[in-house]
PDB file of N, CA and C in Angstrom:
ATOM      1  N   MET A   1      18.667 -74.854  64.394  1.00  0.00           N
ATOM      2  CA  MET A   1      18.442 -75.186  63.008  1.00  0.00           C
ATOM      3  C   MET A   1      19.770 -75.026  62.280  1.00  0.00           C
ATOM      4  N   THR A   2      20.132 -76.026  61.490  1.00  0.00           N
ATOM      5  CA  THR A   2      21.367 -76.001  60.732  1.00  0.00           C
ATOM      6  C   THR A   2      21.054 -75.707  59.282  1.00  0.00           C
ATOM      7  N   LYS A   3      21.812 -74.773  58.713  1.00  0.00           N
ATOM      8  CA  LYS A   3      21.645 -74.423  57.306  1.00  0.00           C
ATOM      9  C   LYS A   3      22.905 -74.799  56.562  1.00  0.00           C
ATOM     10  N   VAL A   4      22.742 -75.358  55.383  1.00  0.00           N
ATOM     11  CA  VAL A   4      23.873 -75.691  54.535  1.00  0.00           C
ATOM     12  C   VAL A   4      23.960 -74.636  53.447  1.00  0.00           C
ATOM     13  N   VAL A   5      25.132 -74.001  53.369  1.00  0.00           N
ATOM     14  CA  VAL A   5      25.357 -72.972  52.358  1.00  0.00           C
ATOM     15  C   VAL A   5      26.075 -73.632  51.192  1.00  0.00           C
ATOM     16  N   VAL A   6      25.481 -73.569  50.004  1.00  0.00           N
ATOM     17  CA  VAL A   6      26.032 -74.210  48.821  1.00  0.00           C
ATOM     18  C   VAL A   6      26.846 -73.182  48.032  1.00  0.00           C
ATOM     19  N   ASN A   7      28.059 -73.526  47.699  1.00  0.00           N
ATOM     20  CA  ASN A   7      28.955 -72.687  46.898  1.00  0.00           C
ATOM     21  C   ASN A   7      29.146 -71.292  47.491  1.00  0.00           C
ATOM     22  N   GLY A   8      29.108 -71.184  48.810  1.00  0.00           N
ATOM     23  CA  GLY A   8      29.327 -69.896  49.465  1.00  0.00           C
ATOM     24  C   GLY A   8      28.243 -68.874  49.204  1.00  0.00           C
ATOM     25  N   ASP A   9      27.068 -69.305  48.773  1.00  0.00           N
ATOM     26  CA  ASP A   9      25.974 -68.387  48.461  1.00  0.00           C
ATOM     27  C   ASP A   9      25.135 -68.145  49.717  1.00  0.00           C
ATOM     28  N   ILE A  10      25.616 -67.237  50.550  1.00  0.00           N
ATOM     29  CA  ILE A  10      24.950 -66.956  51.819  1.00  0.00           C
ATOM     30  C   ILE A  10      23.638 -66.216  51.587  1.00  0.00           C
ATOM     31  N   ASP A  11      23.589 -65.370  50.569  1.00  0.00           N
ATOM     32  CA  ASP A  11      22.375 -64.592  50.300  1.00  0.00           C
ATOM     33  C   ASP A  11      21.182 -65.493  50.013  1.00  0.00           C
ATOM     34  N   LYS A  12      21.404 -66.531  49.231  1.00  0.00           N
ATOM     35  CA  LYS A  12      20.314 -67.444  48.881  1.00  0.00           C
ATOM     36  C   LYS A  12      19.831 -68.202  50.120  1.00  0.00           C
ATOM     37  N   ALA A  13      20.787 -68.643  50.960  1.00  0.00           N
ATOM     38  CA  ALA A  13      20.419 -69.353  52.185  1.00  0.00           C
ATOM     39  C   ALA A  13      19.653 -68.432  53.127  1.00  0.00           C
ATOM     40  N   LEU A  14      20.083 -67.177  53.217  1.00  0.00           N
ATOM     41  CA  LEU A  14      19.401 -66.218  54.079  1.00  0.00           C
ATOM     42  C   LEU A  14      17.988 -65.936  53.579  1.00  0.00           C
ATOM     43  N   ARG A  15      17.821 -65.826  52.266  1.00  0.00           N
ATOM     44  CA  ARG A  15      16.494 -65.608  51.685  1.00  0.00           C
ATOM     45  C   ARG A  15      15.559 -66.769  52.013  1.00  0.00           C
ATOM     46  N   LYS A  16      16.077 -67.997  51.885  1.00  0.00           N
ATOM     47  CA  LYS A  16      15.261 -69.175  52.186  1.00  0.00           C
ATOM     48  C   LYS A  16      14.852 -69.186  53.659  1.00  0.00           C
ATOM     49  N   LEU A  17      15.773 -68.814  54.538  1.00  0.00           N
ATOM     50  CA  LEU A  17      15.470 -68.779  55.963  1.00  0.00           C
ATOM     51  C   LEU A  17      14.387 -67.745  56.252  1.00  0.00           C
ATOM     52  N   LYS A  18      14.494 -66.567  55.637  1.00  0.00           N
ATOM     53  CA  LYS A  18      13.497 -65.520  55.853  1.00  0.00           C
ATOM     54  C   LYS A  18      12.116 -65.967  55.394  1.00  0.00           C
ATOM     55  N   VAL A  19      12.064 -66.684  54.268  1.00  0.00           N
ATOM     56  CA  VAL A  19      10.777 -67.173  53.761  1.00  0.00           C
ATOM     57  C   VAL A  19      10.180 -68.186  54.724  1.00  0.00           C
ATOM     58  N   LYS A  20      11.015 -69.096  55.237  1.00  0.00           N
ATOM     59  CA  LYS A  20      10.521 -70.109  56.180  1.00  0.00           C
ATOM     60  C   LYS A  20      10.001 -69.474  57.458  1.00  0.00           C
ATOM     61  N   VAL A  21      10.719 -68.474  57.961  1.00  0.00           N
ATOM     62  CA  VAL A  21      10.286 -67.795  59.184  1.00  0.00           C
ATOM     63  C   VAL A  21       8.975 -67.054  58.947  1.00  0.00           C
ATOM     64  N   ALA A  22       8.856 -66.404  57.800  1.00  0.00           N
ATOM     65  CA  ALA A  22       7.624 -65.664  57.495  1.00  0.00           C
ATOM     66  C   ALA A  22       6.436 -66.611  57.366  1.00  0.00           C
ATOM     67  N   ARG A  23       6.646 -67.763  56.737  1.00  0.00           N
ATOM     68  CA  ARG A  23       5.549 -68.723  56.566  1.00  0.00           C
ATOM     69  C   ARG A  23       5.144 -69.371  57.882  1.00  0.00           C
ATOM     70  N   SER A  24       6.063 -69.467  58.823  1.00  0.00           N
ATOM     71  CA  SER A  24       5.743 -70.097  60.102  1.00  0.00           C
ATOM     72  C   SER A  24       4.824 -69.224  60.950  1.00  0.00           C
ATOM     73  N   GLY A  25       4.774 -67.933  60.653  1.00  0.00           N
ATOM     74  CA  GLY A  25       3.868 -67.043  61.376  1.00  0.00           C
ATOM     75  C   GLY A  25       4.457 -66.455  62.635  1.00  0.00           C
ATOM     76  N   VAL A  26       5.732 -66.661  62.895  1.00  0.00           N
ATOM     77  CA  VAL A  26       6.348 -66.156  64.114  1.00  0.00           C
ATOM     78  C   VAL A  26       6.320 -64.630  64.183  1.00  0.00           C
ATOM     79  N   PRO A  27       6.697 -63.905  63.119  1.00  0.00           N
ATOM     80  CA  PRO A  27       6.685 -62.438  63.228  1.00  0.00           C
ATOM     81  C   PRO A  27       5.298 -61.864  63.523  1.00  0.00           C
ATOM     82  N   SER A  28       4.271 -62.407  62.893  1.00  0.00           N
ATOM     83  CA  SER A  28       2.932 -61.865  63.129  1.00  0.00           C
ATOM     84  C   SER A  28       2.448 -62.209  64.535  1.00  0.00           C
ATOM     85  N   ALA A  29       2.841 -63.383  65.045  1.00  0.00           N
ATOM     86  CA  ALA A  29       2.451 -63.752  66.409  1.00  0.00           C
ATOM     87  C   ALA A  29       3.123 -62.829  67.422  1.00  0.00           C
ATOM     88  N   LEU A  30       4.383 -62.509  67.198  1.00  0.00           N
ATOM     89  CA  LEU A  30       5.072 -61.598  68.110  1.00  0.00           C
ATOM     90  C   LEU A  30       4.470 -60.205  68.036  1.00  0.00           C
ATOM     91  N   LYS A  31       4.087 -59.792  66.841  1.00  0.00           N
ATOM     92  CA  LYS A  31       3.485 -58.479  66.662  1.00  0.00           C
ATOM     93  C   LYS A  31       2.165 -58.395  67.429  1.00  0.00           C
ATOM     94  N   LYS A  32       1.380 -59.462  67.410  1.00  0.00           N
ATOM     95  CA  LYS A  32       0.093 -59.468  68.102  1.00  0.00           C
ATOM     96  C   LYS A  32       0.266 -59.494  69.617  1.00  0.00           C
ATOM     97  N   LYS A  33       1.338 -60.104  70.103  1.00  0.00           N
ATOM     98  CA  LYS A  33       1.547 -60.255  71.544  1.00  0.00           C
ATOM     99  C   LYS A  33       2.372 -59.125  72.150  1.00  0.00           C
ATOM    100  N   LYS A  34       2.623 -58.061  71.396  1.00  0.00           N
ATOM    101  CA  LYS A  34       3.420 -56.955  71.906  1.00  0.00           C
ATOM    102  C   LYS A  34       2.764 -56.311  73.121  1.00  0.00           C
ATOM    103  N   PHE A  35       1.446 -56.202  73.091  1.00  0.00           N
ATOM    104  CA  PHE A  35       0.733 -55.605  74.198  1.00  0.00           C
ATOM    105  C   PHE A  35      -0.629 -56.285  74.317  1.00  0.00           C
ATOM    106  N   HIS A  36      -1.263 -56.129  75.461  1.00  0.00           N
ATOM    107  CA  HIS A  36      -2.547 -56.792  75.713  1.00  0.00           C
ATOM    108  C   HIS A  36      -3.673 -56.077  74.982  1.00  0.00           C
ATOM    109  N   ILE A  37      -4.534 -56.861  74.368  1.00  0.00           N
ATOM    110  CA  ILE A  37      -5.723 -56.333  73.701  1.00  0.00           C
ATOM    111  C   ILE A  37      -6.937 -56.911  74.411  1.00  0.00           C
ATOM    112  N   LYS A  38      -7.888 -56.050  74.720  1.00  0.00           N
ATOM    113  CA  LYS A  38      -9.101 -56.514  75.386  1.00  0.00           C
ATOM    114  C   LYS A  38      -9.836 -57.488  74.480  1.00  0.00           C
ATOM    115  N   PRO A  39     -10.533 -58.479  75.059  1.00  0.00           N
ATOM    116  CA  PRO A  39     -11.243 -59.470  74.246  1.00  0.00           C
ATOM    117  C   PRO A  39     -12.252 -58.862  73.282  1.00  0.00           C
ATOM    118  N   GLY A  40     -12.979 -57.842  73.704  1.00  0.00           N
ATOM    119  CA  GLY A  40     -13.959 -57.218  72.822  1.00  0.00           C
ATOM    120  C   GLY A  40     -13.307 -56.527  71.637  1.00  0.00           C
ATOM    121  N   VAL A  41     -12.189 -55.874  71.890  1.00  0.00           N
ATOM    122  CA  VAL A  41     -11.463 -55.193  70.821  1.00  0.00           C
ATOM    123  C   VAL A  41     -10.896 -56.228  69.853  1.00  0.00           C
ATOM    124  N   GLU A  42     -10.383 -57.326  70.412  1.00  0.00           N
ATOM    125  CA  GLU A  42      -9.830 -58.395  69.574  1.00  0.00           C
ATOM    126  C   GLU A  42     -10.900 -58.986  68.657  1.00  0.00           C
ATOM    127  N   ARG A  43     -12.110 -59.201  69.196  1.00  0.00           N
ATOM    128  CA  ARG A  43     -13.217 -59.718  68.374  1.00  0.00           C
ATOM    129  C   ARG A  43     -13.580 -58.734  67.270  1.00  0.00           C
ATOM    130  N   ARG A  44     -13.617 -57.454  67.607  1.00  0.00           N
ATOM    131  CA  ARG A  44     -13.952 -56.427  66.623  1.00  0.00           C
ATOM    132  C   ARG A  44     -12.921 -56.388  65.494  1.00  0.00           C
ATOM    133  N   ILE A  45     -11.649 -56.494  65.854  1.00  0.00           N
ATOM    134  CA  ILE A  45     -10.581 -56.490  64.846  1.00  0.00           C
ATOM    135  C   ILE A  45     -10.705 -57.700  63.935  1.00  0.00           C
ATOM    136  N   LYS A  46     -10.941 -58.876  64.515  1.00  0.00           N
ATOM    137  CA  LYS A  46     -11.080 -60.086  63.705  1.00  0.00           C
ATOM    138  C   LYS A  46     -12.289 -59.989  62.778  1.00  0.00           C
ATOM    139  N   LYS A  47     -13.392 -59.397  63.283  1.00  0.00           N
ATOM    140  CA  LYS A  47     -14.589 -59.250  62.458  1.00  0.00           C
ATOM    141  C   LYS A  47     -14.316 -58.314  61.288  1.00  0.00           C
ATOM    142  N   GLU A  48     -13.635 -57.194  61.560  1.00  0.00           N
ATOM    143  CA  GLU A  48     -13.313 -56.246  60.495  1.00  0.00           C
ATOM    144  C   GLU A  48     -12.378 -56.873  59.463  1.00  0.00           C
ATOM    145  N   GLU A  49     -11.388 -57.664  59.926  1.00  0.00           N
ATOM    146  CA  GLU A  49     -10.486 -58.344  58.994  1.00  0.00           C
ATOM    147  C   GLU A  49     -11.243 -59.342  58.131  1.00  0.00           C
ATOM    148  N   GLY A  50     -12.190 -60.051  58.740  1.00  0.00           N
ATOM    149  CA  GLY A  50     -12.985 -61.010  57.988  1.00  0.00           C
ATOM    150  C   GLY A  50     -13.824 -60.337  56.917  1.00  0.00           C
ATOM    151  N   ILE A  51     -14.422 -59.201  57.268  1.00  0.00           N
ATOM    152  CA  ILE A  51     -15.220 -58.460  56.291  1.00  0.00           C
ATOM    153  C   ILE A  51     -14.330 -57.969  55.157  1.00  0.00           C
ATOM    154  N   LYS A  52     -13.157 -57.441  55.507  1.00  0.00           N
ATOM    155  CA  LYS A  52     -12.225 -56.944  54.492  1.00  0.00           C
ATOM    156  C   LYS A  52     -11.768 -58.078  53.575  1.00  0.00           C
ATOM    157  N   ASN A  53     -11.467 -59.238  54.153  1.00  0.00           N
ATOM    158  CA  ASN A  53     -11.028 -60.378  53.343  1.00  0.00           C
ATOM    159  C   ASN A  53     -12.151 -60.884  52.446  1.00  0.00           C
ATOM    160  N   SER A  54     -13.391 -60.870  52.939  1.00  0.00           N
ATOM    161  CA  SER A  54     -14.496 -61.342  52.102  1.00  0.00           C
ATOM    162  C   SER A  54     -14.716 -60.383  50.936  1.00  0.00           C
ATOM    163  N   HIS A  55     -14.517 -59.076  51.179  1.00  0.00           N
ATOM    164  CA  HIS A  55     -14.624 -58.106  50.076  1.00  0.00           C
ATOM    165  C   HIS A  55     -13.538 -58.367  49.046  1.00  0.00           C
ATOM    166  N   LYS A  56     -12.330 -58.707  49.510  1.00  0.00           N
ATOM    167  CA  LYS A  56     -11.228 -58.994  48.587  1.00  0.00           C
ATOM    168  C   LYS A  56     -11.548 -60.237  47.733  1.00  0.00           C
ATOM    169  N   ARG A  57     -12.104 -61.263  48.382  1.00  0.00           N
ATOM    170  CA  ARG A  57     -12.427 -62.505  47.663  1.00  0.00           C
ATOM    171  C   ARG A  57     -13.549 -62.285  46.658  1.00  0.00           C
ATOM    172  N   ASN A  58     -14.524 -61.473  47.002  1.00  0.00           N
ATOM    173  CA  ASN A  58     -15.667 -61.243  46.128  1.00  0.00           C
ATOM    174  C   ASN A  58     -15.403 -60.207  45.034  1.00  0.00           C
ATOM    175  N   HIS A  59     -14.287 -59.506  45.148  1.00  0.00           N
ATOM    176  CA  HIS A  59     -13.973 -58.450  44.191  1.00  0.00           C
ATOM    177  C   HIS A  59     -13.710 -59.014  42.810  1.00  0.00           C
ATOM    178  N   ASN A  60     -13.053 -60.155  42.717  1.00  0.00           N
ATOM    179  CA  ASN A  60     -12.680 -60.707  41.397  1.00  0.00           C
ATOM    180  C   ASN A  60     -13.818 -61.366  40.734  1.00  0.00           C
TER     181      ASN A  60
END
């Protein structure tokens, strides 16, 4: 990937790159693949996250 730095503003280019990487989901995918999770545990985690997210949505 090529980045163009305008007026020598490396900080702004670096910030944009960090945002793009975060939005792509690469860090969270690597975090999840650090070690093996049993299928049952994975389902339980997803279910708990779904319940937590639904509580967040219904809170407002």
